[in-house]
Structure formats: structure tokens, C-alpha cells
């Protein structure tokens, strides 16, 4: 049995036994090296350090902490207040509000489960008070949170950019149009489901009034400016993504302490603790994945997989469909970053050989992982919203089926119409 076979056998076995992803990656690599002796063991500690010694990685903890600071500082509630004025009275208005608020908050946090927690904590109780079923409330919150990993700034896109040596700014630019298409599809789905189940809008909301909307926007202007400041600093060329992540933290502190005056010592501690817990897990996986990826490269895994795919079919369409099926299957069992970290070194050479734009493939990877956030048994978003709504995960999983169908349609559209992802990056000079 060669090194690659031992490596993959150990990895699958450890994951099925419930061993944490980062330990599965490290242990399977060490065991394969021990049994084969084909690579010096000094590679282990060198690779673990090299994986974390990357300047762009600094953006992830800063964006995560900025998101937790804004949640604790009242920014999320202000965003929801404005969004409810726009769509709150329509059929399923609070469901549509949830999707729209998740889309807006995604431009701050870059995290799917984080977006569900921030928006769902406020809107799930509101939906229950207005006669929506817990199943609908939890399902729409879970689904809205999926946009959190695609709308820039996106933590998975940062990881993909680092691993594939691709412009992170270009990837962020590519995420806009697909992100808004998916958000629109989810809002339409929320409206259709609400209309079918007879859920009306929020009765407490007054009829739409432009002056009221403008006054509310003026009162919450600092919260509404947040994504424009973060993303504007990147696209204007003033800041790199890493520098923009620091700007996001500073802005979050300013709004929380000075403008809203909701941040204090205990809330600041909670924000930082939550950020550290999230980022610690991410960085452990990144370091372990660098070691794992080097072994895959040494064993020519990308070439062997490419030959296997090309031996099955020479059609780019068929191969892309096979890759989508593989990603959807693995997404049921692996967390988003783990899926990217394991598969990018293997799949990226295959798709570039077929002529697929690396930026487009990055968006496809993230969109498939959006679906994975809603598919059991892992389905991270399902667990977050089920806890907030106090429902069994199985009930929430049944509720998200219409949203999964919408996401599948969007996935196929984005995969086979590359211009959706690439026209804006190419326009700005970030394409191949």
C-alpha cells in the first residue's frame, strides 16, 4: 500500500471515529510518514509553522472579532430595524427581513454560523411573537446565514486565496453578484413558503413611509456605513484585505463605545472570547492542512485525480458535475474550512487543466459549502438555529428543504454560467 492510500485510509477512519479535523489531518499524515518513511519527519513541525506564517491569515481573526464586536455593540439590531421598514409588512415579511439582514451582516462578519447567531437571536423570537411557526423561523434563519460565507469579506474565500495563491480582492469582487443572486433566491423562497403557510407581515410595522425610513437610516447611519467602509477601503485601493480587517475592528469599537454606547467591559470580553474561540479552531486546521497538503503534493494526488477524472470523461461539464457531487457529499460530514483545505490542493490543478478560471472555481467551492451548512449530519447552521428556536435539529432540517432546492438551482447556474462570477473581477483586472 502506497503513502497516499495509507494517508486517505487513516484520514477517513479518524473522521468517522469523531476525531477533531485538525487532529485527523495531523495524525493521518504522521502515521503515513511513519509507515512509509518516504518523507523526513522534520517536515511535520516545519509545515505546521509555515501554514500559520502567512500574512493574509491575519484578516480572519480581525474580521471575526469585528463581527462579534458589532453584534455586542448593537449594530445588528440597527440593521434589522432599517430592513424591517422596507419589507416587514409583506407576506412573510419577517422571513424576508431575516434573509436581507443576514446578507447585510455577512458584509461584516464573513461567517455563516456567526451570521445565524447574530441575526437569528433577534429575529427568531420576533417571528414567534408574530405567529410564525418555530420551524419556519429556524429554517429561514439557517438559510439566510449561508450567505455569510460568500458575501465579502468571506473567511472561506480568504483561505482559498491563500492556498491557491489567488488575489483575495479578486475573490471578494467575484462574490458580490453570486451572493446577491443567492440572497434574492432565498428571499423569494421565504416569501413563497410564508404565503403558502399563511404567514402575514409584521402587524406592528406601520405602512411604508419614506420619511420614516430616511429618519431611521439617519439615526442608524454608522451601522449602515459599516460594510461600505470595510469593503470601500479595499476596492478603493486604500487598504489591503488585512488592513481593512483592522479598520473593521477599529470601526466596531468606535460605533460600539462612542456612537451606540452599548459596548462595555463585560461585552468587550464576551466579543473577544467568542472571536478567539472561533479563530483558534480555524488556525489549528490551517496549520494542520499545510502539512497534509504537502504530502498530497509529494504523492502527486492532483495528477492522479486528474487522470482518474479524464479517464472517466473528457467533458468539462461531466467533470464539473462529478466535482459538485463530491463536494456536496463531503460537505455533509466535513466543516467548510476543512473541506476547502483538504480538496483545494487536489481539485484546483484539475479544474485549471480544464480551463476553469480559478476565481470562478473558488466561488463554486464556497457555494457548494453554503449548501453543506444546511445538510445533516453536520449542518452547522441547523444546530445554531435549532438551539435559538428550541427545536430538534431534524425538524429544522425538514424546514430548510425549499431553501436547499433554491440553493441547488443557484449552484448549477453559477457553475455553468462562469460570467456570473468572473465578469466583475475581469472588469477590474483580477481575472486570469
Protein backbone atom coordinates (compact mmCIF):
# COMPACT_ATOMS: atom_id res chain seq x y z
CA UNK A 1 0.00 0.00 0.00
CA UNK A 2 1.49 3.37 -1.01
CA UNK A 3 1.71 6.54 1.10
CA UNK A 4 -1.35 8.19 -0.43
CA UNK A 5 -3.56 5.14 0.23
CA UNK A 6 -2.42 4.94 3.85
CA UNK A 7 -2.92 8.70 4.25
CA UNK A 8 -6.50 8.68 2.97
CA UNK A 9 -7.43 5.48 4.83
CA UNK A 10 -6.18 6.94 8.12
CA UNK A 11 -7.95 10.27 7.49
CA UNK A 12 -11.33 8.68 6.71
CA UNK A 13 -11.07 6.31 9.67
CA UNK A 14 -10.22 9.09 12.15
CA UNK A 15 -13.01 11.35 10.89
CA UNK A 16 -15.56 8.53 11.15
CA UNK A 17 -14.36 7.88 14.72
CA UNK A 18 -15.18 11.51 15.57
CA UNK A 19 -11.60 12.76 15.98
CA UNK A 20 -11.40 16.58 15.51
CA UNK A 21 -10.48 17.59 11.96
CA UNK A 22 -7.12 19.16 12.80
CA UNK A 23 -6.03 16.08 14.76
CA UNK A 24 -7.28 13.81 11.96
CA UNK A 25 -5.15 15.71 9.45
CA UNK A 26 -2.02 15.65 11.62
CA UNK A 27 -2.36 12.07 12.86
CA UNK A 28 -3.07 10.61 9.40
CA UNK A 29 -0.06 12.43 7.96
CA UNK A 30 2.26 11.33 10.77
CA UNK A 31 1.08 7.70 10.53
CA UNK A 32 1.55 7.62 6.77
CA UNK A 33 5.08 9.04 7.11
CA UNK A 34 5.91 6.59 9.87
CA UNK A 35 4.84 3.54 7.87
CA UNK A 36 6.37 4.56 4.56
CA UNK A 37 9.42 6.61 5.55
CA UNK A 38 9.34 8.30 2.16
CA UNK A 39 9.49 11.83 3.60
CA UNK A 40 11.64 13.07 6.52
CA UNK A 41 9.71 13.57 9.79
CA UNK A 42 11.23 17.06 10.13
CA UNK A 43 8.62 18.07 7.56
CA UNK A 44 5.96 17.90 10.29
CA UNK A 45 6.97 20.80 12.51
CA UNK A 46 8.25 22.88 9.59
CA UNK A 47 4.93 22.59 7.77
CA UNK A 48 2.83 23.31 10.84
CA UNK A 49 4.74 26.56 11.36
CA UNK A 50 4.75 27.50 7.68
CA UNK A 51 0.99 27.07 7.50
CA UNK A 52 0.45 29.77 10.10
CA UNK A 53 3.28 32.04 8.96
CA UNK A 54 1.08 33.77 6.38
CA UNK A 55 0.34 37.48 6.49
CA UNK A 56 -3.10 37.27 4.76
CA UNK A 57 -4.31 34.93 7.55
CA UNK A 58 -4.38 37.94 9.89
CA UNK A 59 -7.56 39.08 8.15
CA UNK A 60 -9.60 36.16 9.51
CA UNK A 61 -9.30 36.82 13.27
CA UNK A 62 -9.79 40.55 12.73
CA UNK A 63 -12.96 40.13 10.64
CA UNK A 64 -14.35 37.59 13.12
CA UNK A 65 -13.67 39.86 16.11
CA UNK A 66 -15.15 42.83 14.24
CA UNK A 67 -18.34 40.81 13.71
CA UNK A 68 -18.63 39.83 17.37
CA UNK A 69 -17.95 43.43 18.47
CA UNK A 70 -20.69 44.73 16.18
CA UNK A 71 -23.13 42.13 17.44
CA UNK A 72 -22.45 43.10 21.05
CA UNK A 73 -22.36 46.80 20.15
CA UNK A 74 -25.91 46.89 18.77
CA UNK A 75 -25.06 47.19 15.08
CA UNK A 76 -27.05 44.06 14.18
CA UNK A 77 -30.21 45.40 15.80
CA UNK A 78 -29.88 48.71 13.94
CA UNK A 79 -29.51 46.93 10.59
CA UNK A 80 -32.63 44.86 11.32
CA UNK A 81 -34.58 47.99 12.27
CA UNK A 82 -33.96 49.52 8.85
CA UNK A 83 -34.61 46.31 6.92
CA UNK A 84 -37.96 45.75 8.68
CA UNK A 85 -39.17 49.13 7.45
CA UNK A 86 -38.52 48.01 3.88
CA UNK A 87 -40.09 44.55 3.82
CA UNK A 88 -41.64 43.94 7.24
CA UNK A 89 -45.30 44.21 6.22
CA UNK A 90 -45.26 41.92 3.17
CA UNK A 91 -46.26 38.24 3.34
CA UNK A 92 -43.52 36.52 5.29
CA UNK A 93 -42.05 39.96 5.89
CA UNK A 94 -40.03 38.88 8.90
CA UNK A 95 -38.67 35.90 6.96
CA UNK A 96 -37.60 38.15 4.11
CA UNK A 97 -36.23 40.59 6.69
CA UNK A 98 -34.11 37.77 8.13
CA UNK A 99 -32.56 36.92 4.75
CA UNK A 100 -31.91 40.58 3.95
CA UNK A 101 -30.43 41.27 7.39
CA UNK A 102 -28.19 38.19 7.06
CA UNK A 103 -26.98 39.49 3.69
CA UNK A 104 -26.14 42.87 5.20
CA UNK A 105 -24.49 41.38 8.28
CA UNK A 106 -22.50 38.99 6.06
CA UNK A 107 -20.66 42.04 4.72
CA UNK A 108 -19.27 42.44 8.23
CA UNK A 109 -18.64 39.00 9.71
CA UNK A 110 -17.60 36.56 6.93
CA UNK A 111 -19.02 33.63 8.91
CA UNK A 112 -22.13 31.53 8.24
CA UNK A 113 -22.89 30.29 11.78
CA UNK A 114 -21.90 33.71 13.16
CA UNK A 115 -24.46 35.37 10.90
CA UNK A 116 -27.18 32.93 12.02
CA UNK A 117 -26.37 33.60 15.67
CA UNK A 118 -26.29 37.40 15.30
CA UNK A 119 -29.48 37.80 13.26
CA UNK A 120 -31.42 34.74 14.46
CA UNK A 121 -31.09 35.69 18.12
CA UNK A 122 -33.07 38.86 17.41
CA UNK A 123 -35.46 37.77 14.67
CA UNK A 124 -36.48 34.22 15.62
CA UNK A 125 -38.22 35.44 18.83
CA UNK A 126 -39.79 38.27 16.82
CA UNK A 127 -41.19 35.80 14.27
CA UNK A 128 -42.59 33.58 17.02
CA UNK A 129 -44.35 36.58 18.61
CA UNK A 130 -45.96 37.39 15.26
CA UNK A 131 -47.47 33.94 14.70
CA UNK A 132 -44.77 32.27 12.57
CA UNK A 133 -44.07 28.64 13.40
CA UNK A 134 -40.76 27.80 15.10
CA UNK A 135 -39.95 25.52 12.16
CA UNK A 136 -40.27 28.38 9.65
CA UNK A 137 -38.35 30.81 11.85
CA UNK A 138 -35.44 28.43 12.40
CA UNK A 139 -35.34 27.33 8.74
CA UNK A 140 -35.27 30.84 7.31
CA UNK A 141 -32.56 31.90 9.80
CA UNK A 142 -30.41 28.86 8.97
CA UNK A 143 -30.78 29.51 5.25
CA UNK A 144 -30.08 33.23 5.49
CA UNK A 145 -26.87 32.52 7.36
CA UNK A 146 -25.45 30.61 4.39
CA UNK A 147 -24.91 33.92 2.59
CA UNK A 148 -22.41 34.77 5.34
CA UNK A 149 -19.61 32.73 3.73
CA UNK A 150 -20.00 34.18 0.22
CA UNK A 151 -20.70 37.91 0.54
CA UNK A 152 -17.32 39.65 1.10
CA UNK A 153 -15.47 39.63 3.41
CA UNK A 154 -15.59 35.83 3.39
CA UNK A 155 -13.34 33.69 5.57
CA UNK A 156 -13.51 30.67 3.20
CA UNK A 157 -12.52 32.89 0.26
CA UNK A 158 -9.52 34.16 2.23
CA UNK A 159 -8.42 30.57 2.90
CA UNK A 160 -8.95 29.60 -0.75
CA UNK A 161 -6.98 32.63 -1.93
CA UNK A 162 -4.06 31.76 0.35
CA UNK A 163 -3.99 28.10 -0.66
CA UNK A 164 -4.38 28.77 -4.39
CA UNK A 165 -2.17 31.88 -4.47
CA UNK A 166 -5.10 33.85 -5.91
CA UNK A 167 -5.95 37.51 -5.36
CA UNK A 168 -8.20 37.76 -2.30
CA UNK A 169 -9.50 41.11 -3.50
CA UNK A 170 -10.39 39.46 -6.81
CA UNK A 171 -12.24 36.68 -4.99
CA UNK A 172 -14.10 39.21 -2.87
CA UNK A 173 -15.12 41.05 -6.02
CA UNK A 174 -16.33 37.81 -7.60
CA UNK A 175 -18.53 37.03 -4.60
CA UNK A 176 -20.84 40.02 -4.97
CA UNK A 177 -23.05 39.05 -7.91
CA UNK A 178 -23.45 35.34 -6.95
CA UNK A 179 -24.09 36.43 -3.35
CA UNK A 180 -26.92 38.75 -4.31
CA UNK A 181 -28.40 36.18 -6.70
CA UNK A 182 -28.48 33.61 -3.89
CA UNK A 183 -29.87 36.14 -1.39
CA UNK A 184 -32.64 37.06 -3.85
CA UNK A 185 -33.48 33.38 -4.45
CA UNK A 186 -33.68 32.77 -0.70
CA UNK A 187 -35.92 35.82 -0.17
CA UNK A 188 -38.28 34.66 -2.92
CA UNK A 189 -38.35 31.19 -1.34
CA UNK A 190 -39.09 32.66 2.11
CA UNK A 191 -41.95 34.69 0.61
CA UNK A 192 -43.42 31.68 -1.25
CA UNK A 193 -43.27 29.42 1.81
CA UNK A 194 -44.77 32.12 4.04
CA UNK A 195 -47.59 32.80 1.57
CA UNK A 196 -48.34 29.08 1.26
CA UNK A 197 -48.44 28.67 5.05
CA UNK A 198 -50.47 31.86 5.56
CA UNK A 199 -47.91 33.96 7.44
CA UNK A 200 -48.63 37.65 7.10
CA UNK A 201 -46.22 40.52 7.71
CA UNK A 202 -45.34 42.13 10.99
CA UNK A 203 -48.59 43.76 12.12
CA UNK A 204 -46.71 46.16 14.38
CA UNK A 205 -44.98 47.75 11.40
CA UNK A 206 -46.59 50.94 10.09
CA UNK A 207 -47.23 51.27 6.33
CA UNK A 208 -44.15 52.19 4.36
CA UNK A 209 -43.25 55.85 4.79
CA UNK A 210 -40.22 57.28 3.01
CA UNK A 211 -39.66 59.98 5.62
CA UNK A 212 -39.73 57.43 8.45
CA UNK A 213 -37.25 55.29 6.53
CA UNK A 214 -34.92 58.24 5.95
CA UNK A 215 -35.07 59.26 9.62
CA UNK A 216 -34.34 55.68 10.70
CA UNK A 217 -31.44 55.46 8.27
CA UNK A 218 -30.09 58.74 9.62
CA UNK A 219 -30.37 57.52 13.20
CA UNK A 220 -28.54 54.29 12.34
CA UNK A 221 -26.16 55.76 9.78
CA UNK A 222 -22.99 54.48 11.46
CA UNK A 223 -24.25 50.89 11.42
CA UNK A 224 -25.33 51.16 7.78
CA UNK A 225 -21.98 52.64 6.76
CA UNK A 226 -20.05 49.68 8.21
CA UNK A 227 -19.87 47.40 5.12
CA UNK A 228 -19.22 50.37 2.84
CA UNK A 229 -16.27 51.47 4.96
CA UNK A 230 -14.82 47.96 5.18
CA UNK A 231 -15.27 47.00 1.53
CA UNK A 232 -14.78 50.51 0.19
CA UNK A 233 -11.35 50.70 1.78
CA UNK A 234 -10.39 47.53 -0.14
CA UNK A 235 -11.79 48.38 -3.57
CA UNK A 236 -10.60 51.98 -3.46
CA UNK A 237 -7.04 50.70 -3.05
CA UNK A 238 -6.60 52.46 0.28
CA UNK A 239 -6.27 49.17 2.22
CA UNK A 240 -5.35 45.58 1.57
CA UNK A 241 -7.85 42.98 2.90
CA UNK A 242 -5.68 42.55 6.01
CA UNK A 243 -5.56 46.29 6.67
CA UNK A 244 -9.31 46.54 6.05
CA UNK A 245 -9.90 43.87 8.70
CA UNK A 246 -8.08 46.07 11.23
CA UNK A 247 -10.16 49.04 10.09
CA UNK A 248 -13.25 46.90 10.75
CA UNK A 249 -12.16 46.26 14.34
CA UNK A 250 -11.41 49.94 14.99
CA UNK A 251 -14.75 50.98 13.44
CA UNK A 252 -16.62 48.37 15.51
CA UNK A 253 -15.02 49.70 18.71
CA UNK A 254 -15.86 53.29 17.74
CA UNK A 255 -19.51 52.53 16.95
CA UNK A 256 -19.96 50.28 19.99
CA UNK A 257 -18.34 52.55 22.57
CA UNK A 258 -18.84 56.08 21.24
CA UNK A 259 -21.92 56.03 19.00
CA UNK A 260 -24.22 53.33 20.39
CA UNK A 261 -22.62 53.22 23.85
CA UNK A 262 -23.61 49.57 24.22
CA UNK A 263 -20.11 48.15 24.47
CA UNK A 264 -18.67 47.91 27.96
CA UNK A 265 -16.09 45.81 29.75
CA UNK A 266 -18.14 42.56 30.01
CA UNK A 267 -19.48 42.85 26.44
CA UNK A 268 -15.98 43.54 25.12
CA UNK A 269 -14.69 40.47 26.96
CA UNK A 270 -17.52 38.35 25.51
CA UNK A 271 -16.77 39.57 22.00
CA UNK A 272 -13.05 38.87 22.25
CA UNK A 273 -13.59 35.46 23.87
CA UNK A 274 -16.02 34.41 21.14
CA UNK A 275 -13.61 35.63 18.46
CA UNK A 276 -10.68 33.76 19.99
CA UNK A 277 -12.67 30.53 20.24
CA UNK A 278 -13.68 30.71 16.58
CA UNK A 279 -10.26 31.74 15.27
CA UNK A 280 -8.35 29.23 17.37
CA UNK A 281 -10.16 26.36 15.66
CA UNK A 282 -9.63 27.88 12.21
CA UNK A 283 -5.90 28.41 12.66
CA UNK A 284 -5.36 24.91 14.04
CA UNK A 285 -6.98 23.47 10.92
CA UNK A 286 -4.96 25.75 8.62
CA UNK A 287 -1.65 24.70 10.17
CA UNK A 288 -2.54 21.02 10.00
CA UNK A 289 -3.77 21.34 6.44
CA UNK A 290 -0.47 22.74 5.21
CA UNK A 291 1.26 19.55 6.33
CA UNK A 292 -1.47 17.41 4.79
CA UNK A 293 -1.33 19.35 1.52
CA UNK A 294 2.43 18.87 1.17
CA UNK A 295 2.08 15.11 1.43
CA UNK A 296 -0.66 15.17 -1.21
CA UNK A 297 1.69 17.12 -3.48
CA UNK A 298 4.62 14.76 -2.87
CA UNK A 299 2.41 11.78 -3.72
CA UNK A 300 1.10 13.50 -6.91
CA UNK A 301 -2.51 13.31 -5.73
CA UNK A 302 -3.72 16.14 -8.04
CA UNK A 303 -2.22 14.41 -11.09
CA UNK A 304 -3.66 11.04 -10.15
CA UNK A 305 -7.12 12.50 -9.56
CA UNK A 306 -6.96 14.43 -12.83
CA UNK A 307 -6.07 11.24 -14.70
CA UNK A 308 -8.95 9.42 -13.00
CA UNK A 309 -11.46 12.11 -13.94
CA UNK A 310 -10.15 12.39 -17.51
CA UNK A 311 -10.21 8.63 -17.81
CA UNK A 312 -13.90 8.70 -16.90
CA UNK A 313 -14.81 11.54 -19.28
CA UNK A 314 -13.14 14.25 -21.34
CA UNK A 315 -16.15 16.56 -20.96
CA UNK A 316 -15.64 19.60 -18.74
CA UNK A 317 -19.35 19.60 -17.90
CA UNK A 318 -19.30 15.97 -16.73
CA UNK A 319 -16.17 16.51 -14.64
CA UNK A 320 -17.62 19.62 -13.01
CA UNK A 321 -20.78 17.67 -12.16
CA UNK A 322 -18.64 14.93 -10.60
CA UNK A 323 -16.79 17.55 -8.54
CA UNK A 324 -20.09 19.09 -7.40
CA UNK A 325 -21.36 15.69 -6.28
CA UNK A 326 -18.10 15.05 -4.41
CA UNK A 327 -18.28 18.45 -2.68
CA UNK A 328 -21.93 18.02 -1.69
CA UNK A 329 -21.25 14.55 -0.28
CA UNK A 330 -18.19 15.58 1.72
CA UNK A 331 -19.98 18.73 2.92
CA UNK A 332 -22.39 16.50 4.83
CA UNK A 333 -19.52 15.31 7.03
CA UNK A 334 -16.80 17.98 6.93
CA UNK A 335 -16.81 21.59 8.14
CA UNK A 336 -16.42 24.26 5.41
CA UNK A 337 -12.79 25.19 6.02
CA UNK A 338 -11.78 21.54 6.37
CA UNK A 339 -13.40 20.74 3.01
CA UNK A 340 -11.55 23.61 1.32
CA UNK A 341 -8.24 22.80 2.94
CA UNK A 342 -8.34 19.11 2.02
CA UNK A 343 -9.66 19.47 -1.53
CA UNK A 344 -8.20 22.71 -2.93
CA UNK A 345 -4.67 21.30 -3.43
CA UNK A 346 -6.19 18.31 -5.23
CA UNK A 347 -9.01 19.86 -7.28
CA UNK A 348 -7.58 23.23 -8.28
CA UNK A 349 -4.93 21.76 -10.65
CA UNK A 350 -7.62 19.54 -12.19
CA UNK A 351 -10.02 22.38 -13.00
CA UNK A 352 -7.32 24.75 -14.21
CA UNK A 353 -6.18 21.99 -16.58
CA UNK A 354 -9.73 22.02 -17.94
CA UNK A 355 -9.59 25.79 -18.46
CA UNK A 356 -11.77 26.79 -15.48
CA UNK A 357 -10.95 30.24 -14.08
CA UNK A 358 -9.52 29.76 -10.52
CA UNK A 359 -11.60 32.69 -9.26
CA UNK A 360 -14.76 31.12 -10.67
CA UNK A 361 -13.88 27.77 -9.10
CA UNK A 362 -13.39 29.46 -5.73
CA UNK A 363 -16.94 30.81 -5.88
CA UNK A 364 -18.26 27.36 -6.88
CA UNK A 365 -16.48 25.80 -3.90
CA UNK A 366 -17.99 28.31 -1.48
CA UNK A 367 -21.50 28.00 -2.95
CA UNK A 368 -21.43 24.21 -2.52
CA UNK A 369 -20.29 24.73 1.05
CA UNK A 370 -23.25 27.06 1.59
CA UNK A 371 -25.43 24.03 0.90
CA UNK A 372 -23.29 21.97 3.27
CA UNK A 373 -24.17 24.36 6.11
CA UNK A 374 -27.76 23.07 5.81
CA UNK A 375 -27.21 19.35 5.24
CA UNK A 376 -27.16 16.85 8.13
CA UNK A 377 -25.46 15.23 9.89
CA UNK A 378 -23.03 18.18 10.26
CA UNK A 379 -25.14 21.16 9.06
CA UNK A 380 -23.64 23.76 11.42
CA UNK A 381 -26.30 26.40 10.72
CA UNK A 382 -29.03 23.91 11.62
CA UNK A 383 -27.59 23.41 15.09
CA UNK A 384 -27.26 27.15 15.75
CA UNK A 385 -30.85 28.00 14.75
CA UNK A 386 -32.31 24.90 16.44
CA UNK A 387 -30.73 25.99 19.70
CA UNK A 388 -32.18 29.51 19.37
CA UNK A 389 -35.66 28.23 18.40
CA UNK A 390 -35.53 25.34 20.90
CA UNK A 391 -36.35 22.76 18.23
CA UNK A 392 -34.89 19.35 17.30
CA UNK A 393 -32.33 19.58 14.51
CA UNK A 394 -34.37 17.09 12.47
CA UNK A 395 -37.35 19.49 12.41
CA UNK A 396 -35.19 22.38 11.21
CA UNK A 397 -33.62 20.13 8.55
CA UNK A 398 -37.06 19.39 7.12
CA UNK A 399 -37.88 23.09 7.11
CA UNK A 400 -34.85 24.06 5.02
CA UNK A 401 -35.69 21.72 2.11
CA UNK A 402 -37.26 24.50 -0.05
CA UNK A 403 -34.18 26.66 0.56
CA UNK A 404 -31.88 23.77 -0.36
CA UNK A 405 -33.71 23.45 -3.68
CA UNK A 406 -33.21 27.17 -4.32
CA UNK A 407 -29.52 26.89 -3.43
CA UNK A 408 -29.06 23.88 -5.72
CA UNK A 409 -30.55 25.80 -8.64
CA UNK A 410 -28.25 28.75 -7.91
CA UNK A 411 -25.25 26.40 -7.62
CA UNK A 412 -25.86 24.94 -11.08
CA UNK A 413 -26.46 28.40 -12.57
CA UNK A 414 -23.25 29.81 -11.09
CA UNK A 415 -21.21 26.72 -12.03
CA UNK A 416 -22.23 26.59 -15.67
CA UNK A 417 -22.51 30.33 -16.32
CA UNK A 418 -18.99 31.42 -15.29
CA UNK A 419 -19.58 35.03 -16.31
CA UNK A 420 -21.75 35.50 -13.19
CA UNK A 421 -18.60 35.14 -11.09
CA UNK A 422 -15.92 36.41 -13.43
CA UNK A 423 -17.21 39.44 -15.31
CA UNK A 424 -16.72 41.90 -12.43
CA UNK A 425 -13.21 40.66 -11.44
CA UNK A 426 -12.18 40.68 -15.12
CA UNK A 427 -13.57 44.19 -15.48
CA UNK A 428 -11.40 45.32 -12.57
CA UNK A 429 -8.33 43.38 -13.76
CA UNK A 430 -8.36 40.44 -11.34
CA UNK A 431 -9.05 37.58 -13.80
CA UNK A 432 -6.74 35.05 -15.45
